[in-house]
PDB file of all heavy atoms in Angstrom:
ATOM      1  N   ALA A   1       7.445  -2.504   2.972  1.00  0.00           N
ATOM      2  CA  ALA A   1       6.624  -2.214   4.023  1.00  0.00           C
ATOM      3  C   ALA A   1       5.727  -3.427   4.518  1.00  0.00           C
ATOM      4  O   ALA A   1       5.465  -3.742   5.621  1.00  0.00           O
ATOM      5  CB  ALA A   1       5.693  -1.038   3.651  1.00  0.00           C
ATOM      6  N   VAL A   2       5.184  -4.075   3.414  1.00  0.00           N
ATOM      7  CA  VAL A   2       4.350  -5.257   3.658  1.00  0.00           C
ATOM      8  C   VAL A   2       5.210  -6.412   4.426  1.00  0.00           C
ATOM      9  O   VAL A   2       4.717  -7.029   5.367  1.00  0.00           O
ATOM     10  CB  VAL A   2       3.817  -5.845   2.292  1.00  0.00           C
ATOM     11  CG1 VAL A   2       3.149  -7.265   2.486  1.00  0.00           C
ATOM     12  CG2 VAL A   2       2.831  -4.894   1.703  1.00  0.00           C
ATOM     13  N   ARG A   3       6.380  -6.510   3.889  1.00  0.00           N
ATOM     14  CA  ARG A   3       7.217  -7.486   4.620  1.00  0.00           C
ATOM     15  C   ARG A   3       7.645  -7.137   5.966  1.00  0.00           C
ATOM     16  O   ARG A   3       7.955  -8.090   6.744  1.00  0.00           O
ATOM     17  CB  ARG A   3       8.541  -7.895   3.683  1.00  0.00           C
ATOM     18  CG  ARG A   3       8.040  -8.490   2.377  1.00  0.00           C
ATOM     19  CD  ARG A   3       9.244  -8.718   1.339  1.00  0.00           C
ATOM     20  NE  ARG A   3       8.726  -9.435   0.186  1.00  0.00           N
ATOM     21  CZ  ARG A   3       9.301 -10.548  -0.228  1.00  0.00           C
ATOM     22  NH1 ARG A   3      10.188 -11.154   0.381  1.00  0.00           N
ATOM     23  NH2 ARG A   3       8.800 -11.031  -1.283  1.00  0.00           N
ATOM     24  N   ALA A   4       7.665  -5.877   6.248  1.00  0.00           N
ATOM     25  CA  ALA A   4       8.033  -5.367   7.603  1.00  0.00           C
ATOM     26  C   ALA A   4       6.878  -5.533   8.522  1.00  0.00           C
ATOM     27  O   ALA A   4       7.057  -5.256   9.735  1.00  0.00           O
ATOM     28  CB  ALA A   4       8.467  -3.965   7.514  1.00  0.00           C
ATOM     29  N   GLY A   5       5.604  -5.894   8.044  1.00  0.00           N
ATOM     30  CA  GLY A   5       4.448  -6.140   8.891  1.00  0.00           C
ATOM     31  C   GLY A   5       3.365  -5.019   8.771  1.00  0.00           C
ATOM     32  O   GLY A   5       2.465  -5.035   9.583  1.00  0.00           O
ATOM     33  N   CYS A   6       3.629  -4.036   7.856  1.00  0.00           N
ATOM     34  CA  CYS A   6       2.604  -3.122   7.704  1.00  0.00           C
ATOM     35  C   CYS A   6       1.322  -3.801   7.213  1.00  0.00           C
ATOM     36  O   CYS A   6       1.241  -4.444   6.316  1.00  0.00           O
ATOM     37  CB  CYS A   6       3.005  -2.021   6.555  1.00  0.00           C
ATOM     38  SG  CYS A   6       1.750  -0.798   6.223  1.00  0.00           S
ATOM     39  N   ARG A   7       0.150  -3.309   7.840  1.00  0.00           N
ATOM     40  CA  ARG A   7      -1.106  -3.974   7.530  1.00  0.00           C
ATOM     41  C   ARG A   7      -2.147  -2.913   7.456  1.00  0.00           C
ATOM     42  O   ARG A   7      -3.359  -3.311   7.237  1.00  0.00           O
ATOM     43  CB  ARG A   7      -1.452  -5.003   8.639  1.00  0.00           C
ATOM     44  CG  ARG A   7      -0.649  -6.261   8.696  1.00  0.00           C
ATOM     45  CD  ARG A   7      -0.675  -7.058   7.362  1.00  0.00           C
ATOM     46  NE  ARG A   7       0.139  -8.206   7.291  1.00  0.00           N
ATOM     47  CZ  ARG A   7       1.491  -8.241   6.819  1.00  0.00           C
ATOM     48  NH1 ARG A   7       1.942  -7.073   6.318  1.00  0.00           N
ATOM     49  NH2 ARG A   7       2.095  -9.305   6.806  1.00  0.00           N
ATOM     50  N   PHE A   8      -1.805  -1.649   7.394  1.00  0.00           N
ATOM     51  CA  PHE A   8      -2.749  -0.637   7.131  1.00  0.00           C
ATOM     52  C   PHE A   8      -2.062   0.514   6.353  1.00  0.00           C
ATOM     53  O   PHE A   8      -1.017   0.939   6.743  1.00  0.00           O
ATOM     54  CB  PHE A   8      -3.421  -0.091   8.343  1.00  0.00           C
ATOM     55  CG  PHE A   8      -4.523   0.984   8.035  1.00  0.00           C
ATOM     56  CD1 PHE A   8      -5.702   0.577   7.784  1.00  0.00           C
ATOM     57  CD2 PHE A   8      -4.174   2.307   8.160  1.00  0.00           C
ATOM     58  CE1 PHE A   8      -6.718   1.544   7.405  1.00  0.00           C
ATOM     59  CE2 PHE A   8      -5.058   3.293   7.786  1.00  0.00           C
ATOM     60  CZ  PHE A   8      -6.406   2.943   7.542  1.00  0.00           C
ATOM     61  N   PHE A   9      -2.703   0.986   5.304  1.00  0.00           N
ATOM     62  CA  PHE A   9      -2.218   2.129   4.498  1.00  0.00           C
ATOM     63  C   PHE A   9      -3.470   3.008   4.265  1.00  0.00           C
ATOM     64  O   PHE A   9      -4.534   2.461   3.827  1.00  0.00           O
ATOM     65  CB  PHE A   9      -1.566   1.699   3.222  1.00  0.00           C
ATOM     66  CG  PHE A   9      -1.226   2.836   2.362  1.00  0.00           C
ATOM     67  CD1 PHE A   9       0.036   3.492   2.435  1.00  0.00           C
ATOM     68  CD2 PHE A   9      -2.041   3.469   1.489  1.00  0.00           C
ATOM     69  CE1 PHE A   9       0.416   4.545   1.704  1.00  0.00           C
ATOM     70  CE2 PHE A   9      -1.807   4.590   0.742  1.00  0.00           C
ATOM     71  CZ  PHE A   9      -0.509   5.139   0.790  1.00  0.00           C
ATOM     72  N   ALA A  10      -3.278   4.349   4.354  1.00  0.00           N
ATOM     73  CA  ALA A  10      -4.285   5.179   3.925  1.00  0.00           C
ATOM     74  C   ALA A  10      -3.643   6.354   3.226  1.00  0.00           C
ATOM     75  O   ALA A  10      -2.594   6.805   3.870  1.00  0.00           O
ATOM     76  CB  ALA A  10      -5.201   5.759   5.122  1.00  0.00           C
ATOM     77  N   GLY A  11      -4.097   6.800   2.095  1.00  0.00           N
ATOM     78  CA  GLY A  11      -3.400   7.873   1.391  1.00  0.00           C
ATOM     79  C   GLY A  11      -4.200   8.437   0.246  1.00  0.00           C
ATOM     80  O   GLY A  11      -5.546   7.960   0.099  1.00  0.00           O
ATOM     81  N   TYR A  12      -3.627   9.363  -0.474  1.00  0.00           N
ATOM     82  CA  TYR A  12      -4.377  10.060  -1.512  1.00  0.00           C
ATOM     83  C   TYR A  12      -3.376  10.283  -2.649  1.00  0.00           C
ATOM     84  O   TYR A  12      -2.290  10.535  -2.472  1.00  0.00           O
ATOM     85  CB  TYR A  12      -4.903  11.361  -1.029  1.00  0.00           C
ATOM     86  CG  TYR A  12      -5.858  12.071  -1.864  1.00  0.00           C
ATOM     87  CD1 TYR A  12      -7.223  11.699  -1.957  1.00  0.00           C
ATOM     88  CD2 TYR A  12      -5.383  13.130  -2.718  1.00  0.00           C
ATOM     89  CE1 TYR A  12      -8.089  12.496  -2.754  1.00  0.00           C
ATOM     90  CE2 TYR A  12      -6.271  13.741  -3.645  1.00  0.00           C
ATOM     91  CZ  TYR A  12      -7.631  13.374  -3.664  1.00  0.00           C
ATOM     92  OH  TYR A  12      -8.513  14.058  -4.539  1.00  0.00           O
ATOM     93  N   PRO A  13      -3.824  10.110  -3.969  1.00  0.00           N
ATOM     94  CA  PRO A  13      -2.916  10.291  -5.093  1.00  0.00           C
ATOM     95  C   PRO A  13      -2.232  11.540  -5.162  1.00  0.00           C
ATOM     96  O   PRO A  13      -2.862  12.620  -5.076  1.00  0.00           O
ATOM     97  CB  PRO A  13      -3.813   9.943  -6.305  1.00  0.00           C
ATOM     98  CG  PRO A  13      -5.086   9.165  -5.759  1.00  0.00           C
ATOM     99  CD  PRO A  13      -5.251   9.786  -4.299  1.00  0.00           C
ATOM    100  N   ILE A  14      -0.979  11.511  -5.537  1.00  0.00           N
ATOM    101  CA  ILE A  14      -0.196  12.647  -5.897  1.00  0.00           C
ATOM    102  C   ILE A  14       1.111  12.094  -6.557  1.00  0.00           C
ATOM    103  O   ILE A  14       1.757  11.198  -6.046  1.00  0.00           O
ATOM    104  CB  ILE A  14       0.061  13.588  -4.755  1.00  0.00           C
ATOM    105  CG1 ILE A  14       0.842  14.753  -5.101  1.00  0.00           C
ATOM    106  CG2 ILE A  14       0.840  12.918  -3.574  1.00  0.00           C
ATOM    107  CD1 ILE A  14       0.973  15.937  -4.079  1.00  0.00           C
ATOM    108  N   THR A  15       1.425  12.700  -7.728  1.00  0.00           N
ATOM    109  CA  THR A  15       2.687  12.420  -8.377  1.00  0.00           C
ATOM    110  C   THR A  15       3.842  13.102  -7.584  1.00  0.00           C
ATOM    111  O   THR A  15       3.677  14.204  -7.109  1.00  0.00           O
ATOM    112  CB  THR A  15       2.750  12.922  -9.742  1.00  0.00           C
ATOM    113  OG1 THR A  15       1.432  12.407 -10.522  1.00  0.00           O
ATOM    114  CG2 THR A  15       3.958  12.537 -10.607  1.00  0.00           C
ATOM    115  N   PRO A  16       5.029  12.456  -7.379  1.00  0.00           N
ATOM    116  CA  PRO A  16       5.477  11.191  -8.147  1.00  0.00           C
ATOM    117  C   PRO A  16       5.545   9.948  -7.195  1.00  0.00           C
ATOM    118  O   PRO A  16       6.473   9.126  -7.250  1.00  0.00           O
ATOM    119  CB  PRO A  16       6.896  11.563  -8.529  1.00  0.00           C
ATOM    120  CG  PRO A  16       7.344  12.483  -7.408  1.00  0.00           C
ATOM    121  CD  PRO A  16       6.142  13.271  -6.910  1.00  0.00           C
ATOM    122  N   GLN A  17       4.538   9.798  -6.276  1.00  0.00           N
ATOM    123  CA  GLN A  17       4.535   8.670  -5.352  1.00  0.00           C
ATOM    124  C   GLN A  17       3.404   7.682  -5.640  1.00  0.00           C
ATOM    125  O   GLN A  17       3.183   6.705  -4.774  1.00  0.00           O
ATOM    126  CB  GLN A  17       4.525   9.109  -3.905  1.00  0.00           C
ATOM    127  CG  GLN A  17       3.252   9.939  -3.418  1.00  0.00           C
ATOM    128  CD  GLN A  17       1.968   9.057  -3.099  1.00  0.00           C
ATOM    129  OE1 GLN A  17       2.153   8.287  -2.198  1.00  0.00           O
ATOM    130  NE2 GLN A  17       0.897   9.335  -3.774  1.00  0.00           N
ATOM    131  N   ASN A  18       2.633   7.837  -6.705  1.00  0.00           N
ATOM    132  CA  ASN A  18       1.387   7.104  -6.888  1.00  0.00           C
ATOM    133  C   ASN A  18       1.630   5.635  -6.959  1.00  0.00           C
ATOM    134  O   ASN A  18       0.730   4.761  -6.668  1.00  0.00           O
ATOM    135  CB  ASN A  18       0.697   7.638  -8.103  1.00  0.00           C
ATOM    136  CG  ASN A  18       0.092   8.935  -7.897  1.00  0.00           C
ATOM    137  OD1 ASN A  18      -0.416   9.215  -6.812  1.00  0.00           O
ATOM    138  ND2 ASN A  18      -0.158   9.652  -9.001  1.00  0.00           N
ATOM    139  N   GLU A  19       2.791   5.040  -7.280  1.00  0.00           N
ATOM    140  CA  GLU A  19       2.967   3.678  -7.317  1.00  0.00           C
ATOM    141  C   GLU A  19       2.983   2.938  -5.999  1.00  0.00           C
ATOM    142  O   GLU A  19       2.617   1.874  -5.805  1.00  0.00           O
ATOM    143  CB  GLU A  19       4.313   3.371  -8.063  1.00  0.00           C
ATOM    144  CG  GLU A  19       4.401   3.632  -9.491  1.00  0.00           C
ATOM    145  CD  GLU A  19       4.714   5.050  -9.788  1.00  0.00           C
ATOM    146  OE1 GLU A  19       4.993   5.863  -8.836  1.00  0.00           O
ATOM    147  OE2 GLU A  19       4.868   5.478 -11.034  1.00  0.00           O
ATOM    148  N   ILE A  20       3.162   3.773  -4.939  1.00  0.00           N
ATOM    149  CA  ILE A  20       3.152   3.213  -3.591  1.00  0.00           C
ATOM    150  C   ILE A  20       1.608   2.896  -3.138  1.00  0.00           C
ATOM    151  O   ILE A  20       1.391   1.687  -2.855  1.00  0.00           O
ATOM    152  CB  ILE A  20       3.691   4.136  -2.523  1.00  0.00           C
ATOM    153  CG1 ILE A  20       5.199   4.358  -2.718  1.00  0.00           C
ATOM    154  CG2 ILE A  20       3.438   3.528  -1.215  1.00  0.00           C
ATOM    155  CD1 ILE A  20       5.848   5.424  -1.807  1.00  0.00           C
ATOM    156  N   PRO A  21       0.694   3.767  -3.273  1.00  0.00           N
ATOM    157  CA  PRO A  21      -0.686   3.337  -2.884  1.00  0.00           C
ATOM    158  C   PRO A  21      -1.240   2.369  -3.999  1.00  0.00           C
ATOM    159  O   PRO A  21      -1.942   1.441  -3.620  1.00  0.00           O
ATOM    160  CB  PRO A  21      -1.462   4.643  -2.886  1.00  0.00           C
ATOM    161  CG  PRO A  21      -0.662   5.577  -3.642  1.00  0.00           C
ATOM    162  CD  PRO A  21       0.798   5.203  -3.399  1.00  0.00           C
ATOM    163  N   GLU A  22      -0.772   2.558  -5.270  1.00  0.00           N
ATOM    164  CA  GLU A  22      -1.337   1.618  -6.279  1.00  0.00           C
ATOM    165  C   GLU A  22      -0.987   0.211  -5.963  1.00  0.00           C
ATOM    166  O   GLU A  22      -1.713  -0.816  -5.979  1.00  0.00           O
ATOM    167  CB  GLU A  22      -0.850   2.053  -7.695  1.00  0.00           C
ATOM    168  CG  GLU A  22      -1.348   1.110  -8.817  1.00  0.00           C
ATOM    169  CD  GLU A  22      -0.776   1.579 -10.159  1.00  0.00           C
ATOM    170  OE1 GLU A  22       0.068   2.436 -10.187  1.00  0.00           O
ATOM    171  OE2 GLU A  22      -1.192   0.886 -11.108  1.00  0.00           O
ATOM    172  N   TYR A  23       0.306   0.009  -5.606  1.00  0.00           N
ATOM    173  CA  TYR A  23       0.872  -1.371  -5.239  1.00  0.00           C
ATOM    174  C   TYR A  23       0.188  -1.884  -3.998  1.00  0.00           C
ATOM    175  O   TYR A  23      -0.183  -3.022  -4.008  1.00  0.00           O
ATOM    176  CB  TYR A  23       2.353  -1.189  -5.026  1.00  0.00           C
ATOM    177  CG  TYR A  23       3.037  -2.605  -5.020  1.00  0.00           C
ATOM    178  CD1 TYR A  23       3.769  -3.093  -6.037  1.00  0.00           C
ATOM    179  CD2 TYR A  23       3.154  -3.191  -3.622  1.00  0.00           C
ATOM    180  CE1 TYR A  23       4.479  -4.268  -5.891  1.00  0.00           C
ATOM    181  CE2 TYR A  23       3.939  -4.433  -3.528  1.00  0.00           C
ATOM    182  CZ  TYR A  23       4.467  -4.925  -4.607  1.00  0.00           C
ATOM    183  OH  TYR A  23       5.149  -6.062  -4.602  1.00  0.00           O
ATOM    184  N   LEU A  24       0.072  -1.057  -2.977  1.00  0.00           N
ATOM    185  CA  LEU A  24      -0.547  -1.522  -1.745  1.00  0.00           C
ATOM    186  C   LEU A  24      -2.041  -1.805  -1.878  1.00  0.00           C
ATOM    187  O   LEU A  24      -2.541  -2.573  -1.127  1.00  0.00           O
ATOM    188  CB  LEU A  24      -0.209  -0.528  -0.672  1.00  0.00           C
ATOM    189  CG  LEU A  24       1.316  -0.414  -0.287  1.00  0.00           C
ATOM    190  CD1 LEU A  24       1.445   0.724   0.732  1.00  0.00           C
ATOM    191  CD2 LEU A  24       1.699  -1.732   0.435  1.00  0.00           C
ATOM    192  N   SER A  25      -2.726  -1.203  -2.791  1.00  0.00           N
ATOM    193  CA  SER A  25      -4.111  -1.377  -2.939  1.00  0.00           C
ATOM    194  C   SER A  25      -4.428  -2.829  -3.327  1.00  0.00           C
ATOM    195  O   SER A  25      -5.563  -3.302  -2.943  1.00  0.00           O
ATOM    196  CB  SER A  25      -4.596  -0.537  -4.111  1.00  0.00           C
ATOM    197  OG  SER A  25      -4.099  -0.830  -5.447  1.00  0.00           O
ATOM    198  N   TRP A  26      -3.534  -3.563  -3.834  1.00  0.00           N
ATOM    199  CA  TRP A  26      -3.876  -5.015  -4.116  1.00  0.00           C
ATOM    200  C   TRP A  26      -2.928  -5.853  -3.268  1.00  0.00           C
ATOM    201  O   TRP A  26      -3.338  -6.998  -2.940  1.00  0.00           O
ATOM    202  CB  TRP A  26      -3.549  -5.395  -5.650  1.00  0.00           C
ATOM    203  CG  TRP A  26      -2.149  -5.129  -6.086  1.00  0.00           C
ATOM    204  CD1 TRP A  26      -1.691  -4.081  -6.821  1.00  0.00           C
ATOM    205  CD2 TRP A  26      -0.988  -6.022  -6.146  1.00  0.00           C
ATOM    206  NE1 TRP A  26      -0.449  -4.224  -7.160  1.00  0.00           N
ATOM    207  CE2 TRP A  26       0.078  -5.404  -6.660  1.00  0.00           C
ATOM    208  CE3 TRP A  26      -0.942  -7.290  -5.558  1.00  0.00           C
ATOM    209  CZ2 TRP A  26       1.281  -6.041  -6.789  1.00  0.00           C
ATOM    210  CZ3 TRP A  26       0.383  -7.942  -5.547  1.00  0.00           C
ATOM    211  CH2 TRP A  26       1.465  -7.310  -6.254  1.00  0.00           C
ATOM    212  N   ARG A  27      -1.831  -5.345  -2.769  1.00  0.00           N
ATOM    213  CA  ARG A  27      -0.877  -6.223  -2.103  1.00  0.00           C
ATOM    214  C   ARG A  27      -1.291  -6.403  -0.619  1.00  0.00           C
ATOM    215  O   ARG A  27      -1.175  -7.551  -0.090  1.00  0.00           O
ATOM    216  CB  ARG A  27       0.484  -5.647  -2.063  1.00  0.00           C
ATOM    217  CG  ARG A  27       1.734  -6.431  -1.410  1.00  0.00           C
ATOM    218  CD  ARG A  27       1.924  -7.765  -2.242  1.00  0.00           C
ATOM    219  NE  ARG A  27       3.159  -8.526  -1.659  1.00  0.00           N
ATOM    220  CZ  ARG A  27       2.943  -9.470  -0.912  1.00  0.00           C
ATOM    221  NH1 ARG A  27       1.686  -9.990  -0.607  1.00  0.00           N
ATOM    222  NH2 ARG A  27       4.080 -10.119  -0.407  1.00  0.00           N
ATOM    223  N   LEU A  28      -1.722  -5.401  -0.046  1.00  0.00           N
ATOM    224  CA  LEU A  28      -2.125  -5.536   1.417  1.00  0.00           C
ATOM    225  C   LEU A  28      -3.294  -6.476   1.517  1.00  0.00           C
ATOM    226  O   LEU A  28      -3.312  -7.272   2.515  1.00  0.00           O
ATOM    227  CB  LEU A  28      -2.499  -4.058   1.871  1.00  0.00           C
ATOM    228  CG  LEU A  28      -1.414  -3.289   2.508  1.00  0.00           C
ATOM    229  CD1 LEU A  28      -1.927  -1.847   2.905  1.00  0.00           C
ATOM    230  CD2 LEU A  28      -0.716  -3.932   3.721  1.00  0.00           C
ATOM    231  N   PRO A  29      -4.401  -6.467   0.699  1.00  0.00           N
ATOM    232  CA  PRO A  29      -5.414  -7.470   0.882  1.00  0.00           C
ATOM    233  C   PRO A  29      -4.866  -8.838   0.807  1.00  0.00           C
ATOM    234  O   PRO A  29      -5.510  -9.764   1.372  1.00  0.00           O
ATOM    235  CB  PRO A  29      -6.395  -7.215  -0.184  1.00  0.00           C
ATOM    236  CG  PRO A  29      -6.190  -5.730  -0.452  1.00  0.00           C
ATOM    237  CD  PRO A  29      -4.833  -5.460  -0.245  1.00  0.00           C
ATOM    238  N   GLU A  30      -3.816  -9.129   0.080  1.00  0.00           N
ATOM    239  CA  GLU A  30      -3.269 -10.518  -0.087  1.00  0.00           C
ATOM    240  C   GLU A  30      -2.741 -11.058   1.256  1.00  0.00           C
ATOM    241  O   GLU A  30      -2.717 -12.323   1.476  1.00  0.00           O
ATOM    242  CB  GLU A  30      -2.179 -10.487  -1.136  1.00  0.00           C
ATOM    243  CG  GLU A  30      -2.520 -10.427  -2.591  1.00  0.00           C
ATOM    244  CD  GLU A  30      -1.381 -10.548  -3.487  1.00  0.00           C
ATOM    245  OE1 GLU A  30      -0.269 -10.362  -3.078  1.00  0.00           O
ATOM    246  OE2 GLU A  30      -1.653 -10.730  -4.685  1.00  0.00           O
ATOM    247  N   VAL A  31      -2.388 -10.189   2.216  1.00  0.00           N
ATOM    248  CA  VAL A  31      -1.774 -10.574   3.415  1.00  0.00           C
ATOM    249  C   VAL A  31      -2.714 -10.233   4.619  1.00  0.00           C
ATOM    250  O   VAL A  31      -2.271 -10.261   5.822  1.00  0.00           O
ATOM    251  CB  VAL A  31      -0.394  -9.860   3.649  1.00  0.00           C
ATOM    252  CG1 VAL A  31       0.582 -10.425   2.591  1.00  0.00           C
ATOM    253  CG2 VAL A  31      -0.430  -8.398   3.620  1.00  0.00           C
ATOM    254  N   GLY A  32      -4.004  -9.968   4.350  1.00  0.00           N
ATOM    255  CA  GLY A  32      -4.889  -9.709   5.405  1.00  0.00           C
ATOM    256  C   GLY A  32      -4.888  -8.235   5.868  1.00  0.00           C
ATOM    257  O   GLY A  32      -5.487  -7.965   7.005  1.00  0.00           O
ATOM    258  N   GLY A  33      -4.293  -7.381   5.047  1.00  0.00           N
ATOM    259  CA  GLY A  33      -4.201  -5.898   5.474  1.00  0.00           C
ATOM    260  C   GLY A  33      -5.272  -5.151   4.907  1.00  0.00           C
ATOM    261  O   GLY A  33      -6.101  -5.685   4.199  1.00  0.00           O
TER     262      GLY A  33
END
């Protein structure tokens, strides 16, 4: 998603997808998102 140009994510934790928001919580700020 980041490499495709995603620069905004909003979400709320729920198993079994929690690694997506966890990853984006640090990855998006690295690219100005």
